[in-house]
N, C-alpha and C. Protein backbone atom coordinates (compact mmCIF):
# COMPACT_ATOMS: atom_id res chain seq x y z
N MET A 1 0.86 -1.18 0.00
CA MET A 1 0.00 0.00 0.00
C MET A 1 0.90 1.24 0.00
N ASP A 2 0.65 2.13 -0.92
CA ASP A 2 1.47 3.34 -1.03
C ASP A 2 1.42 4.16 0.25
N GLY A 3 2.58 4.62 0.70
CA GLY A 3 2.65 5.48 1.87
C GLY A 3 2.47 4.75 3.19
N PHE A 4 2.55 3.42 3.17
CA PHE A 4 2.33 2.63 4.38
C PHE A 4 3.38 1.53 4.41
N SER A 5 4.47 1.79 5.12
CA SER A 5 5.58 0.83 5.16
C SER A 5 5.17 -0.43 5.93
N ASP A 6 5.94 -1.49 5.75
CA ASP A 6 5.69 -2.72 6.48
C ASP A 6 5.76 -2.50 7.99
N VAL A 7 6.73 -1.69 8.42
CA VAL A 7 6.87 -1.40 9.85
C VAL A 7 5.66 -0.62 10.36
N ALA A 8 5.22 0.37 9.61
CA ALA A 8 4.03 1.15 10.01
C ALA A 8 2.80 0.24 10.07
N MET A 9 2.69 -0.69 9.14
CA MET A 9 1.55 -1.61 9.14
C MET A 9 1.60 -2.52 10.37
N LEU A 10 2.77 -3.04 10.70
CA LEU A 10 2.91 -3.89 11.88
C LEU A 10 2.59 -3.12 13.16
N MET A 11 3.01 -1.87 13.22
CA MET A 11 2.70 -1.04 14.38
C MET A 11 1.19 -0.79 14.48
N ALA A 12 0.55 -0.56 13.34
CA ALA A 12 -0.90 -0.35 13.34
C ALA A 12 -1.63 -1.63 13.76
N ILE A 13 -1.17 -2.78 13.31
CA ILE A 13 -1.78 -4.05 13.73
C ILE A 13 -1.67 -4.19 15.25
N GLU A 14 -0.50 -3.90 15.79
CA GLU A 14 -0.32 -3.99 17.24
C GLU A 14 -1.24 -3.01 17.98
N ASP A 15 -1.36 -1.80 17.46
CA ASP A 15 -2.26 -0.81 18.07
C ASP A 15 -3.71 -1.31 18.07
N ILE A 16 -4.13 -1.93 16.98
CA ILE A 16 -5.50 -2.44 16.89
C ILE A 16 -5.69 -3.63 17.84
N CYS A 17 -4.67 -4.49 17.95
CA CYS A 17 -4.75 -5.61 18.90
C CYS A 17 -4.87 -5.09 20.34
N LEU A 18 -4.12 -4.06 20.68
CA LEU A 18 -4.22 -3.47 22.02
C LEU A 18 -5.59 -2.82 22.23
N LEU A 19 -6.12 -2.17 21.19
CA LEU A 19 -7.46 -1.59 21.26
C LEU A 19 -8.47 -2.68 21.61
N LYS A 20 -8.39 -3.82 20.93
CA LYS A 20 -9.32 -4.92 21.17
C LYS A 20 -9.15 -5.49 22.58
N ALA A 21 -7.92 -5.65 23.02
CA ALA A 21 -7.67 -6.16 24.38
C ALA A 21 -8.26 -5.23 25.42
N ARG A 22 -8.09 -3.93 25.23
CA ARG A 22 -8.65 -2.95 26.18
C ARG A 22 -10.18 -2.99 26.16
N ARG A 23 -10.76 -3.19 25.00
CA ARG A 23 -12.23 -3.28 24.90
C ARG A 23 -12.75 -4.47 25.70
N ASP A 24 -12.11 -5.64 25.53
CA ASP A 24 -12.55 -6.82 26.27
C ASP A 24 -12.40 -6.61 27.77
N ARG A 25 -11.26 -6.05 28.19
CA ARG A 25 -11.05 -5.80 29.62
C ARG A 25 -12.04 -4.78 30.16
N ALA A 26 -12.25 -3.69 29.43
CA ALA A 26 -13.19 -2.67 29.88
C ALA A 26 -14.60 -3.25 30.02
N CYS A 27 -14.97 -4.10 29.09
CA CYS A 27 -16.29 -4.74 29.14
C CYS A 27 -16.41 -5.62 30.38
N ASP A 28 -15.43 -6.47 30.62
CA ASP A 28 -15.50 -7.40 31.74
C ASP A 28 -15.37 -6.72 33.10
N THR A 29 -14.65 -5.61 33.16
CA THR A 29 -14.51 -4.89 34.42
C THR A 29 -15.54 -3.79 34.58
N LYS A 30 -16.39 -3.63 33.55
CA LYS A 30 -17.45 -2.62 33.54
C LYS A 30 -16.89 -1.20 33.71
N ASP A 31 -15.76 -0.98 33.05
CA ASP A 31 -15.16 0.35 33.02
C ASP A 31 -15.73 1.07 31.80
N TRP A 32 -16.92 1.62 31.97
CA TRP A 32 -17.67 2.18 30.84
C TRP A 32 -17.04 3.44 30.27
N ASN A 33 -16.29 4.19 31.09
CA ASN A 33 -15.59 5.37 30.55
C ASN A 33 -14.49 4.94 29.59
N LEU A 34 -13.71 3.93 29.98
CA LEU A 34 -12.68 3.41 29.09
C LEU A 34 -13.33 2.81 27.84
N TYR A 35 -14.37 2.01 28.03
CA TYR A 35 -15.05 1.36 26.91
C TYR A 35 -15.51 2.39 25.87
N LEU A 36 -16.16 3.43 26.35
CA LEU A 36 -16.64 4.48 25.45
C LEU A 36 -15.48 5.17 24.72
N SER A 37 -14.38 5.41 25.42
CA SER A 37 -13.24 6.13 24.83
C SER A 37 -12.58 5.36 23.69
N LEU A 38 -12.85 4.08 23.57
CA LEU A 38 -12.25 3.25 22.53
C LEU A 38 -13.04 3.28 21.22
N HIS A 39 -14.19 3.93 21.24
CA HIS A 39 -15.11 3.95 20.09
C HIS A 39 -15.27 5.35 19.54
N ALA A 40 -15.34 5.45 18.21
CA ALA A 40 -15.64 6.73 17.57
C ALA A 40 -17.08 7.11 17.91
N PRO A 41 -17.39 8.40 18.03
CA PRO A 41 -18.76 8.82 18.35
C PRO A 41 -19.80 8.25 17.40
N ASP A 42 -19.42 8.08 16.12
CA ASP A 42 -20.37 7.57 15.12
C ASP A 42 -20.30 6.04 14.96
N HIS A 43 -19.78 5.37 15.97
CA HIS A 43 -19.67 3.91 15.96
C HIS A 43 -21.04 3.27 15.76
N VAL A 44 -21.09 2.20 14.98
CA VAL A 44 -22.32 1.44 14.75
C VAL A 44 -22.09 0.01 15.22
N SER A 45 -23.01 -0.49 16.05
CA SER A 45 -22.92 -1.86 16.55
C SER A 45 -24.13 -2.66 16.11
N GLU A 46 -23.88 -3.91 15.76
CA GLU A 46 -24.96 -4.85 15.49
C GLU A 46 -24.70 -6.09 16.31
N ASN A 47 -25.61 -6.36 17.21
CA ASN A 47 -25.50 -7.54 18.06
C ASN A 47 -26.80 -8.31 17.87
N GLY A 48 -26.69 -9.54 17.43
CA GLY A 48 -27.87 -10.34 17.16
C GLY A 48 -28.85 -10.40 18.31
N ASP A 49 -28.34 -10.28 19.54
CA ASP A 49 -29.21 -10.33 20.72
C ASP A 49 -30.05 -9.06 20.87
N TYR A 50 -29.51 -7.92 20.42
CA TYR A 50 -30.16 -6.64 20.71
C TYR A 50 -30.45 -5.77 19.51
N GLY A 51 -29.98 -6.11 18.34
CA GLY A 51 -30.24 -5.26 17.19
C GLY A 51 -29.11 -4.30 16.91
N ARG A 52 -29.44 -3.15 16.32
CA ARG A 52 -28.46 -2.18 15.82
C ARG A 52 -28.48 -0.90 16.66
N TRP A 53 -27.27 -0.45 17.03
CA TRP A 53 -27.11 0.83 17.72
C TRP A 53 -26.25 1.71 16.83
N THR A 54 -26.64 2.98 16.66
CA THR A 54 -26.02 3.81 15.64
C THR A 54 -25.09 4.91 16.17
N THR A 55 -24.84 4.95 17.45
CA THR A 55 -23.83 5.85 18.01
C THR A 55 -23.13 5.14 19.16
N ALA A 56 -21.94 5.62 19.49
CA ALA A 56 -21.23 5.07 20.64
C ALA A 56 -22.01 5.33 21.93
N ALA A 57 -22.63 6.50 22.04
CA ALA A 57 -23.40 6.83 23.24
C ALA A 57 -24.58 5.87 23.42
N GLU A 58 -25.29 5.57 22.35
CA GLU A 58 -26.41 4.63 22.42
C GLU A 58 -25.90 3.23 22.79
N MET A 59 -24.80 2.84 22.20
CA MET A 59 -24.23 1.52 22.47
C MET A 59 -23.85 1.39 23.95
N ILE A 60 -23.16 2.39 24.50
CA ILE A 60 -22.66 2.26 25.86
C ILE A 60 -23.81 2.17 26.86
N VAL A 61 -24.87 2.92 26.66
CA VAL A 61 -26.03 2.84 27.55
C VAL A 61 -26.60 1.43 27.53
N ASN A 62 -26.76 0.87 26.34
CA ASN A 62 -27.36 -0.46 26.21
C ASN A 62 -26.44 -1.58 26.68
N VAL A 63 -25.15 -1.47 26.40
CA VAL A 63 -24.21 -2.49 26.86
C VAL A 63 -24.17 -2.49 28.39
N ALA A 64 -24.09 -1.31 28.99
CA ALA A 64 -24.07 -1.23 30.45
C ALA A 64 -25.34 -1.81 31.07
N ARG A 65 -26.48 -1.51 30.48
CA ARG A 65 -27.74 -2.07 30.98
C ARG A 65 -27.77 -3.59 30.84
N SER A 66 -27.36 -4.09 29.69
CA SER A 66 -27.44 -5.53 29.45
C SER A 66 -26.50 -6.32 30.35
N MET A 67 -25.42 -5.69 30.80
CA MET A 67 -24.43 -6.39 31.61
C MET A 67 -24.54 -6.09 33.10
N GLU A 68 -25.53 -5.31 33.47
CA GLU A 68 -25.66 -4.84 34.84
C GLU A 68 -25.58 -5.98 35.87
N MET A 69 -26.24 -7.09 35.62
CA MET A 69 -26.31 -8.20 36.59
C MET A 69 -25.42 -9.37 36.18
N LEU A 70 -24.57 -9.18 35.18
CA LEU A 70 -23.73 -10.27 34.68
C LEU A 70 -22.28 -10.13 35.12
N THR A 71 -21.64 -11.26 35.32
CA THR A 71 -20.19 -11.34 35.36
C THR A 71 -19.80 -11.97 34.03
N THR A 72 -18.88 -11.32 33.32
CA THR A 72 -18.55 -11.80 31.97
C THR A 72 -17.06 -12.03 31.81
N MET A 73 -16.75 -12.84 30.82
CA MET A 73 -15.37 -13.05 30.39
C MET A 73 -15.39 -13.13 28.87
N HIS A 74 -14.81 -12.12 28.22
CA HIS A 74 -14.71 -12.07 26.76
C HIS A 74 -13.28 -12.44 26.35
N HIS A 75 -13.16 -13.37 25.43
CA HIS A 75 -11.85 -13.71 24.87
C HIS A 75 -11.92 -13.54 23.37
N SER A 76 -11.07 -12.68 22.85
CA SER A 76 -10.96 -12.44 21.41
C SER A 76 -9.58 -12.90 20.98
N HIS A 77 -9.51 -13.62 19.88
CA HIS A 77 -8.23 -14.17 19.46
C HIS A 77 -8.22 -14.39 17.95
N SER A 78 -7.04 -14.75 17.44
CA SER A 78 -6.83 -15.06 16.03
C SER A 78 -7.28 -13.93 15.11
N PRO A 79 -6.75 -12.72 15.30
CA PRO A 79 -7.21 -11.59 14.47
C PRO A 79 -6.78 -11.71 13.02
N GLU A 80 -7.69 -11.30 12.15
CA GLU A 80 -7.39 -11.13 10.73
C GLU A 80 -7.61 -9.64 10.45
N ILE A 81 -6.55 -8.88 10.28
CA ILE A 81 -6.66 -7.44 10.11
C ILE A 81 -6.17 -7.06 8.72
N GLU A 82 -7.00 -6.32 7.99
CA GLU A 82 -6.66 -5.85 6.65
C GLU A 82 -6.85 -4.33 6.61
N PHE A 83 -6.02 -3.67 5.82
CA PHE A 83 -6.06 -2.22 5.74
C PHE A 83 -6.65 -1.76 4.41
N ASN A 84 -7.57 -0.81 4.49
CA ASN A 84 -8.09 -0.13 3.31
C ASN A 84 -7.19 1.05 2.96
N SER A 85 -6.57 1.61 3.98
CA SER A 85 -5.67 2.75 3.84
C SER A 85 -4.83 2.80 5.11
N PRO A 86 -3.86 3.70 5.21
CA PRO A 86 -3.09 3.81 6.45
C PRO A 86 -3.93 4.24 7.66
N THR A 87 -5.17 4.71 7.43
CA THR A 87 -6.00 5.15 8.56
C THR A 87 -7.34 4.42 8.64
N GLN A 88 -7.53 3.39 7.84
CA GLN A 88 -8.77 2.62 7.89
C GLN A 88 -8.46 1.13 7.77
N ALA A 89 -9.10 0.34 8.63
CA ALA A 89 -8.86 -1.11 8.63
C ALA A 89 -10.14 -1.84 8.99
N ARG A 90 -10.12 -3.12 8.71
CA ARG A 90 -11.21 -3.99 9.13
C ARG A 90 -10.59 -5.24 9.73
N GLY A 91 -11.33 -5.84 10.65
CA GLY A 91 -10.81 -7.02 11.32
C GLY A 91 -11.89 -8.03 11.62
N ILE A 92 -11.47 -9.27 11.67
CA ILE A 92 -12.32 -10.37 12.11
C ILE A 92 -11.58 -11.05 13.25
N TRP A 93 -12.29 -11.24 14.36
CA TRP A 93 -11.72 -11.87 15.55
C TRP A 93 -12.57 -13.06 15.96
N ALA A 94 -11.95 -14.20 16.16
CA ALA A 94 -12.65 -15.31 16.78
C ALA A 94 -12.92 -14.94 18.23
N MET A 95 -14.06 -15.40 18.75
CA MET A 95 -14.40 -15.04 20.13
C MET A 95 -15.02 -16.22 20.87
N THR A 96 -14.80 -16.20 22.18
CA THR A 96 -15.57 -17.03 23.10
C THR A 96 -15.99 -16.10 24.22
N GLY A 97 -17.17 -16.31 24.71
CA GLY A 97 -17.68 -15.47 25.78
C GLY A 97 -18.42 -16.30 26.80
N LEU A 98 -18.31 -15.89 28.05
CA LEU A 98 -19.01 -16.55 29.15
C LEU A 98 -19.70 -15.48 29.97
N SER A 99 -20.98 -15.69 30.25
CA SER A 99 -21.75 -14.80 31.12
C SER A 99 -22.30 -15.63 32.27
N LEU A 100 -22.20 -15.09 33.48
CA LEU A 100 -22.69 -15.75 34.69
C LEU A 100 -23.63 -14.79 35.42
N TRP A 101 -24.72 -15.31 36.00
CA TRP A 101 -25.65 -14.47 36.75
C TRP A 101 -26.53 -15.32 37.64
N LYS A 102 -27.21 -14.63 38.55
CA LYS A 102 -28.22 -15.26 39.41
C LYS A 102 -29.58 -14.99 38.80
N GLN A 103 -30.40 -16.02 38.75
CA GLN A 103 -31.77 -15.90 38.25
C GLN A 103 -32.66 -16.66 39.21
N GLU A 104 -33.55 -15.94 39.85
CA GLU A 104 -34.44 -16.54 40.85
C GLU A 104 -33.65 -17.34 41.88
N GLY A 105 -32.51 -16.77 42.30
CA GLY A 105 -31.69 -17.37 43.35
C GLY A 105 -30.76 -18.47 42.89
N ALA A 106 -30.83 -18.87 41.63
CA ALA A 106 -29.99 -19.96 41.13
C ALA A 106 -28.90 -19.41 40.21
N ASP A 107 -27.75 -20.09 40.17
CA ASP A 107 -26.66 -19.71 39.27
C ASP A 107 -27.00 -20.15 37.85
N HIS A 108 -26.75 -19.25 36.88
CA HIS A 108 -26.96 -19.57 35.47
C HIS A 108 -25.76 -19.12 34.65
N TRP A 109 -25.66 -19.65 33.45
CA TRP A 109 -24.55 -19.32 32.57
C TRP A 109 -24.99 -19.37 31.11
N PHE A 110 -24.22 -18.63 30.30
CA PHE A 110 -24.39 -18.61 28.85
C PHE A 110 -22.99 -18.59 28.26
N ARG A 111 -22.74 -19.46 27.30
CA ARG A 111 -21.43 -19.53 26.65
C ARG A 111 -21.64 -19.41 25.15
N ALA A 112 -20.79 -18.60 24.50
CA ALA A 112 -20.95 -18.36 23.06
C ALA A 112 -19.61 -18.47 22.34
N PHE A 113 -19.70 -18.90 21.10
CA PHE A 113 -18.55 -19.02 20.22
C PHE A 113 -18.91 -18.38 18.89
N GLY A 114 -18.03 -17.55 18.36
CA GLY A 114 -18.34 -16.91 17.09
C GLY A 114 -17.23 -16.00 16.63
N HIS A 115 -17.63 -14.93 15.92
CA HIS A 115 -16.68 -13.96 15.40
C HIS A 115 -17.22 -12.54 15.54
N TYR A 116 -16.30 -11.62 15.81
CA TYR A 116 -16.58 -10.20 15.71
C TYR A 116 -16.10 -9.72 14.34
N PHE A 117 -16.90 -8.92 13.68
CA PHE A 117 -16.54 -8.29 12.41
C PHE A 117 -16.50 -6.79 12.70
N GLU A 118 -15.32 -6.18 12.57
CA GLU A 118 -15.13 -4.80 13.03
C GLU A 118 -14.46 -3.93 11.98
N THR A 119 -14.65 -2.63 12.14
CA THR A 119 -13.88 -1.65 11.37
C THR A 119 -13.25 -0.67 12.36
N TYR A 120 -12.15 -0.08 11.91
CA TYR A 120 -11.37 0.84 12.74
C TYR A 120 -10.93 2.01 11.89
N GLU A 121 -10.77 3.15 12.55
CA GLU A 121 -10.17 4.32 11.90
C GLU A 121 -9.18 4.95 12.85
N LYS A 122 -8.12 5.47 12.28
CA LYS A 122 -7.15 6.23 13.05
C LYS A 122 -7.57 7.68 12.99
N ARG A 123 -7.99 8.20 14.14
CA ARG A 123 -8.45 9.59 14.24
C ARG A 123 -7.64 10.30 15.32
N ASP A 124 -7.16 11.47 15.00
CA ASP A 124 -6.34 12.25 15.94
C ASP A 124 -5.21 11.41 16.53
N GLY A 125 -4.61 10.60 15.69
CA GLY A 125 -3.42 9.84 16.09
C GLY A 125 -3.67 8.53 16.82
N ARG A 126 -4.94 8.12 16.97
CA ARG A 126 -5.17 6.84 17.65
C ARG A 126 -6.28 6.05 16.96
N TRP A 127 -6.17 4.74 17.04
CA TRP A 127 -7.15 3.86 16.43
C TRP A 127 -8.39 3.75 17.30
N LEU A 128 -9.56 3.78 16.66
CA LEU A 128 -10.85 3.66 17.35
C LEU A 128 -11.72 2.66 16.59
N PHE A 129 -12.62 2.03 17.31
CA PHE A 129 -13.64 1.20 16.67
C PHE A 129 -14.64 2.11 15.97
N THR A 130 -15.02 1.77 14.73
CA THR A 130 -16.07 2.50 14.04
C THR A 130 -17.29 1.63 13.78
N SER A 131 -17.12 0.31 13.82
CA SER A 131 -18.29 -0.58 13.73
C SER A 131 -17.93 -1.95 14.28
N ARG A 132 -18.99 -2.66 14.71
CA ARG A 132 -18.83 -4.02 15.21
C ARG A 132 -20.10 -4.79 14.94
N ALA A 133 -19.96 -6.00 14.45
CA ALA A 133 -21.08 -6.93 14.34
C ALA A 133 -20.62 -8.24 14.97
N LEU A 134 -21.48 -8.81 15.77
CA LEU A 134 -21.19 -10.07 16.44
C LEU A 134 -22.03 -11.17 15.83
N LYS A 135 -21.39 -12.26 15.45
CA LYS A 135 -22.09 -13.41 14.89
C LYS A 135 -21.74 -14.64 15.72
N TYR A 136 -22.75 -15.22 16.36
CA TYR A 136 -22.56 -16.46 17.10
C TYR A 136 -22.73 -17.64 16.15
N TYR A 137 -21.88 -18.66 16.32
CA TYR A 137 -22.02 -19.90 15.55
C TYR A 137 -22.48 -21.05 16.44
N HIS A 138 -22.23 -20.91 17.72
CA HIS A 138 -22.69 -21.94 18.66
C HIS A 138 -22.87 -21.29 20.03
N THR A 139 -23.97 -21.60 20.68
CA THR A 139 -24.21 -21.11 22.04
C THR A 139 -24.70 -22.27 22.90
N MET A 140 -24.45 -22.12 24.20
CA MET A 140 -24.94 -23.07 25.20
C MET A 140 -25.42 -22.26 26.40
N ARG A 141 -26.39 -22.77 27.11
CA ARG A 141 -26.87 -22.08 28.31
C ARG A 141 -27.32 -23.10 29.34
N SER A 142 -27.33 -22.65 30.58
CA SER A 142 -27.79 -23.52 31.66
C SER A 142 -29.29 -23.76 31.50
N PRO A 143 -29.77 -24.90 31.96
CA PRO A 143 -31.21 -25.20 31.86
C PRO A 143 -32.05 -24.12 32.55
N GLY A 144 -33.03 -23.59 31.83
CA GLY A 144 -33.93 -22.57 32.37
C GLY A 144 -33.40 -21.15 32.32
N ALA A 145 -32.21 -20.96 31.75
CA ALA A 145 -31.60 -19.63 31.70
C ALA A 145 -32.37 -18.71 30.77
N ASN A 146 -32.64 -17.49 31.23
CA ASN A 146 -33.22 -16.44 30.39
C ASN A 146 -32.08 -15.53 29.93
N PHE A 147 -31.70 -15.68 28.68
CA PHE A 147 -30.61 -14.90 28.13
C PHE A 147 -30.94 -14.56 26.69
N PRO A 148 -30.69 -13.35 26.24
CA PRO A 148 -29.98 -12.26 26.91
C PRO A 148 -30.89 -11.51 27.87
N PRO A 149 -30.28 -10.78 28.81
CA PRO A 149 -31.07 -9.98 29.74
C PRO A 149 -31.84 -8.90 29.00
N ARG A 150 -33.04 -8.63 29.44
CA ARG A 150 -33.83 -7.55 28.85
C ARG A 150 -33.23 -6.20 29.23
N ILE A 151 -33.26 -5.26 28.28
CA ILE A 151 -32.70 -3.94 28.57
C ILE A 151 -33.72 -2.83 28.33
N ASP A 152 -34.96 -3.16 28.01
CA ASP A 152 -35.95 -2.11 27.77
C ASP A 152 -36.47 -1.58 29.10
N ARG A 153 -36.10 -0.34 29.37
CA ARG A 153 -36.56 0.32 30.60
C ARG A 153 -37.17 1.65 30.26
């Protein structure tokens, strides 16, 4: 790619991998300020469980609500990152996720396997998420589990 050396590309890949790692950690630790800071304001999310959110602000409100009573562990791995330009990229990440919660006094769980499909842009010198779609290929849940949690309030 013109104007994008191999070293610059490798550095950008590492920056995007760190962005993804911070997103997973922020999600699991419920650090919503950090989570929001990793996304462009015009970020678009599509999650099969909840539909489409068209801004980072809308996404963060809904993600925080949906995870309010959950303990989660997100693992993203095996990234495939391609560049459209030195400041635009797309990535696919394999994922596994575990959610734990109490429901009517009993322990419940939900486990998912799939891929995240994402786009990124480098804005003001740092990489940000600009879109994310989650596709599950296999899920499991504890008997009687109500998942995903309702977020309509």
